[in-house]
PDB file of all heavy atoms in Angstrom:
ATOM      1  N   TYR A   1       0.845  -1.146   0.026  1.00  0.00           N
ATOM      2  CA  TYR A   1       0.036   0.089  -0.078  1.00  0.00           C
ATOM      3  C   TYR A   1       0.867   1.306   0.008  1.00  0.00           C
ATOM      4  O   TYR A   1       1.835   1.362   0.894  1.00  0.00           O
ATOM      5  CB  TYR A   1      -0.806  -0.118   1.305  1.00  0.00           C
ATOM      6  CG  TYR A   1      -1.771   1.058   1.650  1.00  0.00           C
ATOM      7  CD1 TYR A   1      -2.979   1.386   1.186  1.00  0.00           C
ATOM      8  CD2 TYR A   1      -1.241   1.866   2.722  1.00  0.00           C
ATOM      9  CE1 TYR A   1      -3.795   2.268   1.581  1.00  0.00           C
ATOM     10  CE2 TYR A   1      -2.021   2.930   3.106  1.00  0.00           C
ATOM     11  CZ  TYR A   1      -3.362   3.219   2.528  1.00  0.00           C
ATOM     12  OH  TYR A   1      -4.167   4.127   2.967  1.00  0.00           O
ATOM     13  N   GLY A   2       0.702   2.151  -0.991  1.00  0.00           N
ATOM     14  CA  GLY A   2       1.567   3.261  -1.074  1.00  0.00           C
ATOM     15  C   GLY A   2       1.092   4.423  -0.195  1.00  0.00           C
ATOM     16  O   GLY A   2      -0.039   4.704  -0.110  1.00  0.00           O
ATOM     17  N   ILE A   3       1.990   4.962   0.528  1.00  0.00           N
ATOM     18  CA  ILE A   3       1.773   6.038   1.443  1.00  0.00           C
ATOM     19  C   ILE A   3       2.427   7.310   0.958  1.00  0.00           C
ATOM     20  O   ILE A   3       3.677   7.249   1.002  1.00  0.00           O
ATOM     21  CB  ILE A   3       2.085   5.763   2.984  1.00  0.00           C
ATOM     22  CG1 ILE A   3       1.277   4.570   3.394  1.00  0.00           C
ATOM     23  CG2 ILE A   3       1.838   6.931   3.767  1.00  0.00           C
ATOM     24  CD1 ILE A   3       1.657   4.111   4.843  1.00  0.00           C
ATOM     25  N   GLU A   4       1.725   8.392   0.660  1.00  0.00           N
ATOM     26  CA  GLU A   4       2.357   9.667   0.070  1.00  0.00           C
ATOM     27  C   GLU A   4       2.795  10.518   1.146  1.00  0.00           C
ATOM     28  O   GLU A   4       2.106  10.759   2.100  1.00  0.00           O
ATOM     29  CB  GLU A   4       1.276  10.227  -0.744  1.00  0.00           C
ATOM     30  CG  GLU A   4       1.842  11.334  -1.705  1.00  0.00           C
ATOM     31  CD  GLU A   4       0.751  11.881  -2.677  1.00  0.00           C
ATOM     32  OE1 GLU A   4      -0.162  11.183  -2.947  1.00  0.00           O
ATOM     33  OE2 GLU A   4       1.015  13.074  -3.133  1.00  0.00           O
ATOM     34  N   LEU A   5       4.073  10.919   1.063  1.00  0.00           N
ATOM     35  CA  LEU A   5       4.710  11.856   1.969  1.00  0.00           C
ATOM     36  C   LEU A   5       4.784  13.300   1.451  1.00  0.00           C
ATOM     37  O   LEU A   5       4.630  14.211   2.084  1.00  0.00           O
ATOM     38  CB  LEU A   5       6.039  11.390   2.450  1.00  0.00           C
ATOM     39  CG  LEU A   5       6.127  10.116   3.268  1.00  0.00           C
ATOM     40  CD1 LEU A   5       7.565   9.809   3.420  1.00  0.00           C
ATOM     41  CD2 LEU A   5       5.386  10.232   4.574  1.00  0.00           C
ATOM     42  N   LEU A   6       5.046  13.345   0.049  1.00  0.00           N
ATOM     43  CA  LEU A   6       5.116  14.558  -0.516  1.00  0.00           C
ATOM     44  C   LEU A   6       4.549  14.467  -1.986  1.00  0.00           C
ATOM     45  O   LEU A   6       4.446  13.505  -2.602  1.00  0.00           O
ATOM     46  CB  LEU A   6       6.693  14.969  -0.871  1.00  0.00           C
ATOM     47  CG  LEU A   6       7.682  15.131   0.398  1.00  0.00           C
ATOM     48  CD1 LEU A   6       8.998  15.147  -0.019  1.00  0.00           C
ATOM     49  CD2 LEU A   6       7.195  16.356   1.196  1.00  0.00           C
ATOM     50  N   HIS A   7       4.259  15.715  -2.508  1.00  0.00           N
ATOM     51  CA  HIS A   7       3.899  15.788  -3.961  1.00  0.00           C
ATOM     52  C   HIS A   7       5.105  15.557  -4.800  1.00  0.00           C
ATOM     53  O   HIS A   7       6.147  15.994  -4.468  1.00  0.00           O
ATOM     54  CB  HIS A   7       3.182  17.128  -4.194  1.00  0.00           C
ATOM     55  CG  HIS A   7       2.478  17.171  -5.541  1.00  0.00           C
ATOM     56  ND1 HIS A   7       3.231  17.467  -6.692  1.00  0.00           N
ATOM     57  CD2 HIS A   7       1.343  17.024  -5.858  1.00  0.00           C
ATOM     58  CE1 HIS A   7       2.447  17.396  -7.724  1.00  0.00           C
ATOM     59  NE2 HIS A   7       1.113  17.167  -7.199  1.00  0.00           N
ATOM     60  N   PRO A   8       4.993  14.846  -5.893  1.00  0.00           N
ATOM     61  CA  PRO A   8       6.263  14.718  -6.671  1.00  0.00           C
ATOM     62  C   PRO A   8       6.936  15.828  -7.047  1.00  0.00           C
ATOM     63  O   PRO A   8       8.134  15.787  -7.353  1.00  0.00           O
ATOM     64  CB  PRO A   8       5.702  13.906  -7.861  1.00  0.00           C
ATOM     65  CG  PRO A   8       4.400  13.164  -7.308  1.00  0.00           C
ATOM     66  CD  PRO A   8       3.825  14.118  -6.379  1.00  0.00           C
ATOM     67  N   ILE A   9       6.243  17.075  -7.236  1.00  0.00           N
ATOM     68  CA  ILE A   9       7.098  18.180  -7.592  1.00  0.00           C
ATOM     69  C   ILE A   9       8.033  18.677  -6.479  1.00  0.00           C
ATOM     70  O   ILE A   9       9.102  19.187  -6.782  1.00  0.00           O
ATOM     71  CB  ILE A   9       5.948  19.334  -7.790  1.00  0.00           C
ATOM     72  CG1 ILE A   9       5.434  19.143  -9.148  1.00  0.00           C
ATOM     73  CG2 ILE A   9       6.694  20.690  -7.652  1.00  0.00           C
ATOM     74  CD1 ILE A   9       4.332  20.112  -9.599  1.00  0.00           C
ATOM     75  N   ARG A  10       7.778  18.319  -5.244  1.00  0.00           N
ATOM     76  CA  ARG A  10       8.539  18.684  -4.160  1.00  0.00           C
ATOM     77  C   ARG A  10       9.696  17.729  -3.715  1.00  0.00           C
ATOM     78  O   ARG A  10      10.430  17.809  -2.814  1.00  0.00           O
ATOM     79  CB  ARG A  10       7.720  18.795  -2.877  1.00  0.00           C
ATOM     80  CG  ARG A  10       6.746  19.969  -2.973  1.00  0.00           C
ATOM     81  CD  ARG A  10       5.942  20.085  -1.670  1.00  0.00           C
ATOM     82  NE  ARG A  10       5.091  21.103  -1.790  1.00  0.00           N
ATOM     83  CZ  ARG A  10       5.223  22.353  -1.647  1.00  0.00           C
ATOM     84  NH1 ARG A  10       6.362  22.743  -1.186  1.00  0.00           N
ATOM     85  NH2 ARG A  10       4.273  23.254  -1.587  1.00  0.00           N
ATOM     86  N   GLU A  11      10.023  16.823  -4.662  1.00  0.00           N
ATOM     87  CA  GLU A  11      11.019  15.658  -4.437  1.00  0.00           C
ATOM     88  C   GLU A  11      12.366  16.517  -4.366  1.00  0.00           C
ATOM     89  O   GLU A  11      12.660  17.096  -5.164  1.00  0.00           O
ATOM     90  CB  GLU A  11      11.059  14.669  -5.551  1.00  0.00           C
ATOM     91  CG  GLU A  11      12.046  13.683  -5.407  1.00  0.00           C
ATOM     92  CD  GLU A  11      12.105  12.645  -6.458  1.00  0.00           C
ATOM     93  OE1 GLU A  11      11.687  13.018  -7.576  1.00  0.00           O
ATOM     94  OE2 GLU A  11      12.712  11.587  -6.448  1.00  0.00           O
ATOM     95  N   GLY A  12      13.142  16.029  -3.299  1.00  0.00           N
ATOM     96  CA  GLY A  12      14.552  16.393  -3.318  1.00  0.00           C
ATOM     97  C   GLY A  12      14.663  17.894  -2.657  1.00  0.00           C
ATOM     98  O   GLY A  12      15.794  18.346  -2.616  1.00  0.00           O
ATOM     99  N   ARG A  13      13.681  18.566  -2.204  1.00  0.00           N
ATOM    100  CA  ARG A  13      13.794  19.885  -1.629  1.00  0.00           C
ATOM    101  C   ARG A  13      14.420  19.798  -0.257  1.00  0.00           C
ATOM    102  O   ARG A  13      14.763  20.916   0.222  1.00  0.00           O
ATOM    103  CB  ARG A  13      12.506  20.620  -1.587  1.00  0.00           C
ATOM    104  CG  ARG A  13      11.992  20.972  -2.962  1.00  0.00           C
ATOM    105  CD  ARG A  13      10.833  21.846  -2.879  1.00  0.00           C
ATOM    106  NE  ARG A  13      10.288  22.171  -4.299  1.00  0.00           N
ATOM    107  CZ  ARG A  13       9.322  22.918  -4.486  1.00  0.00           C
ATOM    108  NH1 ARG A  13       8.677  23.445  -3.463  1.00  0.00           N
ATOM    109  NH2 ARG A  13       8.959  23.180  -5.687  1.00  0.00           N
ATOM    110  N   SER A  14      14.346  18.786   0.352  1.00  0.00           N
ATOM    111  CA  SER A  14      14.793  18.588   1.820  1.00  0.00           C
ATOM    112  C   SER A  14      15.825  17.447   1.994  1.00  0.00           C
ATOM    113  O   SER A  14      15.578  16.434   1.447  1.00  0.00           O
ATOM    114  CB  SER A  14      13.620  18.405   2.761  1.00  0.00           C
ATOM    115  OG  SER A  14      14.018  18.098   4.125  1.00  0.00           O
ATOM    116  N   ALA A  15      16.878  17.703   2.716  1.00  0.00           N
ATOM    117  CA  ALA A  15      17.735  16.753   3.036  1.00  0.00           C
ATOM    118  C   ALA A  15      17.080  15.543   4.017  1.00  0.00           C
ATOM    119  O   ALA A  15      17.776  14.427   4.075  1.00  0.00           O
ATOM    120  CB  ALA A  15      18.980  17.230   3.757  1.00  0.00           C
ATOM    121  N   GLN A  16      16.055  15.850   4.620  1.00  0.00           N
ATOM    122  CA  GLN A  16      15.395  14.967   5.641  1.00  0.00           C
ATOM    123  C   GLN A  16      14.399  14.111   4.905  1.00  0.00           C
ATOM    124  O   GLN A  16      13.809  13.393   5.715  1.00  0.00           O
ATOM    125  CB  GLN A  16      14.785  15.911   6.769  1.00  0.00           C
ATOM    126  CG  GLN A  16      15.747  16.612   7.562  1.00  0.00           C
ATOM    127  CD  GLN A  16      15.019  17.566   8.464  1.00  0.00           C
ATOM    128  OE1 GLN A  16      13.719  17.790   8.273  1.00  0.00           O
ATOM    129  NE2 GLN A  16      15.714  18.147   9.386  1.00  0.00           N
ATOM    130  N   GLN A  17      14.212  14.238   3.690  1.00  0.00           N
ATOM    131  CA  GLN A  17      13.154  13.413   2.984  1.00  0.00           C
ATOM    132  C   GLN A  17      13.453  11.915   3.242  1.00  0.00           C
ATOM    133  O   GLN A  17      14.508  11.422   2.877  1.00  0.00           O
ATOM    134  CB  GLN A  17      13.179  13.758   1.659  1.00  0.00           C
ATOM    135  CG  GLN A  17      12.306  12.990   0.767  1.00  0.00           C
ATOM    136  CD  GLN A  17      12.357  13.360  -0.763  1.00  0.00           C
ATOM    137  OE1 GLN A  17      12.531  14.633  -1.099  1.00  0.00           O
ATOM    138  NE2 GLN A  17      12.248  12.433  -1.620  1.00  0.00           N
ATOM    139  N   ILE A  18      12.510  11.136   3.733  1.00  0.00           N
ATOM    140  CA  ILE A  18      12.677   9.743   4.003  1.00  0.00           C
ATOM    141  C   ILE A  18      12.062   8.869   2.835  1.00  0.00           C
ATOM    142  O   ILE A  18      12.379   7.763   2.734  1.00  0.00           O
ATOM    143  CB  ILE A  18      12.158   9.182   5.327  1.00  0.00           C
ATOM    144  CG1 ILE A  18      10.631   9.459   5.403  1.00  0.00           C
ATOM    145  CG2 ILE A  18      12.881   9.940   6.397  1.00  0.00           C
ATOM    146  CD1 ILE A  18      10.015   8.918   6.725  1.00  0.00           C
ATOM    147  N   GLY A  19      11.178   9.478   2.059  1.00  0.00           N
ATOM    148  CA  GLY A  19      10.461   8.673   1.080  1.00  0.00           C
ATOM    149  C   GLY A  19      11.253   8.849  -0.256  1.00  0.00           C
ATOM    150  O   GLY A  19      12.066   9.735  -0.531  1.00  0.00           O
ATOM    151  N   LYS A  20      10.955   7.911  -1.154  1.00  0.00           N
ATOM    152  CA  LYS A  20      11.559   7.817  -2.485  1.00  0.00           C
ATOM    153  C   LYS A  20      10.356   7.854  -3.494  1.00  0.00           C
ATOM    154  O   LYS A  20       9.258   7.619  -3.266  1.00  0.00           O
ATOM    155  CB  LYS A  20      12.397   6.593  -2.743  1.00  0.00           C
ATOM    156  CG  LYS A  20      13.479   6.469  -1.532  1.00  0.00           C
ATOM    157  CD  LYS A  20      14.673   7.166  -2.044  1.00  0.00           C
ATOM    158  CE  LYS A  20      15.690   7.314  -1.082  1.00  0.00           C
ATOM    159  NZ  LYS A  20      16.892   6.492  -1.131  1.00  0.00           N
ATOM    160  N   LYS A  21      10.770   8.097  -4.850  1.00  0.00           N
ATOM    161  CA  LYS A  21       9.823   8.184  -5.776  1.00  0.00           C
ATOM    162  C   LYS A  21       9.461   6.788  -6.346  1.00  0.00           C
ATOM    163  O   LYS A  21      10.454   5.952  -6.672  1.00  0.00           O
ATOM    164  CB  LYS A  21      10.336   9.029  -6.983  1.00  0.00           C
ATOM    165  CG  LYS A  21       9.392   9.340  -8.064  1.00  0.00           C
ATOM    166  CD  LYS A  21      10.049  10.220  -9.125  1.00  0.00           C
ATOM    167  CE  LYS A  21       8.927  10.896  -9.890  1.00  0.00           C
ATOM    168  NZ  LYS A  21       9.495  11.849 -10.745  1.00  0.00           N
ATOM    169  N   GLY A  22       8.258   6.485  -6.413  1.00  0.00           N
ATOM    170  CA  GLY A  22       7.851   5.193  -6.799  1.00  0.00           C
ATOM    171  C   GLY A  22       6.298   5.131  -7.326  1.00  0.00           C
ATOM    172  O   GLY A  22       5.790   6.237  -7.167  1.00  0.00           O
ATOM    173  N   LYS A  23       5.852   4.075  -7.807  1.00  0.00           N
ATOM    174  CA  LYS A  23       4.502   4.009  -8.329  1.00  0.00           C
ATOM    175  C   LYS A  23       3.597   3.331  -7.378  1.00  0.00           C
ATOM    176  O   LYS A  23       4.098   2.263  -6.866  1.00  0.00           O
ATOM    177  CB  LYS A  23       4.436   3.345  -9.740  1.00  0.00           C
ATOM    178  CG  LYS A  23       4.650   4.225 -10.785  1.00  0.00           C
ATOM    179  CD  LYS A  23       4.111   3.742 -12.105  1.00  0.00           C
ATOM    180  CE  LYS A  23       4.174   4.791 -13.125  1.00  0.00           C
ATOM    181  NZ  LYS A  23       3.490   4.344 -14.324  1.00  0.00           N
ATOM    182  N   SER A  24       2.493   3.813  -7.238  1.00  0.00           N
ATOM    183  CA  SER A  24       1.435   3.088  -6.294  1.00  0.00           C
ATOM    184  C   SER A  24       0.124   3.493  -6.919  1.00  0.00           C
ATOM    185  O   SER A  24      -0.247   4.630  -7.197  1.00  0.00           O
ATOM    186  CB  SER A  24       1.511   3.788  -4.921  1.00  0.00           C
ATOM    187  OG  SER A  24       0.366   3.140  -4.148  1.00  0.00           O
ATOM    188  N   ASN A  25      -0.657   2.376  -7.135  1.00  0.00           N
ATOM    189  CA  ASN A  25      -1.893   2.452  -7.885  1.00  0.00           C
ATOM    190  C   ASN A  25      -1.794   3.262  -9.198  1.00  0.00           C
ATOM    191  O   ASN A  25      -2.642   4.134  -9.465  1.00  0.00           O
ATOM    192  CB  ASN A  25      -2.921   3.082  -6.925  1.00  0.00           C
ATOM    193  CG  ASN A  25      -3.295   2.207  -5.839  1.00  0.00           C
ATOM    194  OD1 ASN A  25      -3.222   0.938  -5.890  1.00  0.00           O
ATOM    195  ND2 ASN A  25      -3.717   2.765  -4.602  1.00  0.00           N
ATOM    196  N   TRP A  26      -0.848   2.910  -9.957  1.00  0.00           N
ATOM    197  CA  TRP A  26      -0.638   3.534 -11.282  1.00  0.00           C
ATOM    198  C   TRP A  26      -0.344   4.976 -11.283  1.00  0.00           C
ATOM    199  O   TRP A  26      -0.574   5.536 -12.335  1.00  0.00           O
ATOM    200  CB  TRP A  26      -1.803   3.088 -12.167  1.00  0.00           C
ATOM    201  CG  TRP A  26      -1.961   1.577 -12.276  1.00  0.00           C
ATOM    202  CD1 TRP A  26      -1.247   0.657 -12.989  1.00  0.00           C
ATOM    203  CD2 TRP A  26      -2.975   0.970 -11.706  1.00  0.00           C
ATOM    204  NE1 TRP A  26      -1.649  -0.510 -12.880  1.00  0.00           N
ATOM    205  CE2 TRP A  26      -2.777  -0.390 -12.087  1.00  0.00           C
ATOM    206  CE3 TRP A  26      -3.989   1.142 -10.886  1.00  0.00           C
ATOM    207  CZ2 TRP A  26      -3.465  -1.472 -11.697  1.00  0.00           C
ATOM    208  CZ3 TRP A  26      -4.827  -0.036 -10.511  1.00  0.00           C
ATOM    209  CH2 TRP A  26      -4.591  -1.229 -10.812  1.00  0.00           C
ATOM    210  N   ARG A  27       0.130   5.505 -10.222  1.00  0.00           N
ATOM    211  CA  ARG A  27       0.440   6.969 -10.175  1.00  0.00           C
ATOM    212  C   ARG A  27       1.821   7.107  -9.417  1.00  0.00           C
ATOM    213  O   ARG A  27       2.050   6.376  -8.411  1.00  0.00           O
ATOM    214  CB  ARG A  27      -0.658   7.780  -9.664  1.00  0.00           C
ATOM    215  CG  ARG A  27      -1.064   7.557  -8.215  1.00  0.00           C
ATOM    216  CD  ARG A  27      -2.089   8.563  -7.868  1.00  0.00           C
ATOM    217  NE  ARG A  27      -1.537   9.732  -7.313  1.00  0.00           N
ATOM    218  CZ  ARG A  27      -1.854  10.466  -6.407  1.00  0.00           C
ATOM    219  NH1 ARG A  27      -2.926   9.970  -5.518  1.00  0.00           N
ATOM    220  NH2 ARG A  27      -1.190  11.506  -6.015  1.00  0.00           N
TER     221      ARG A  27
END
């Protein structure tokens, strides 16, 4: 089950980001 932490546009803006980019439910 995918849990979204950030909107994909905001990827990499913080050094503290624990999530990575991946697909969940075809998005």
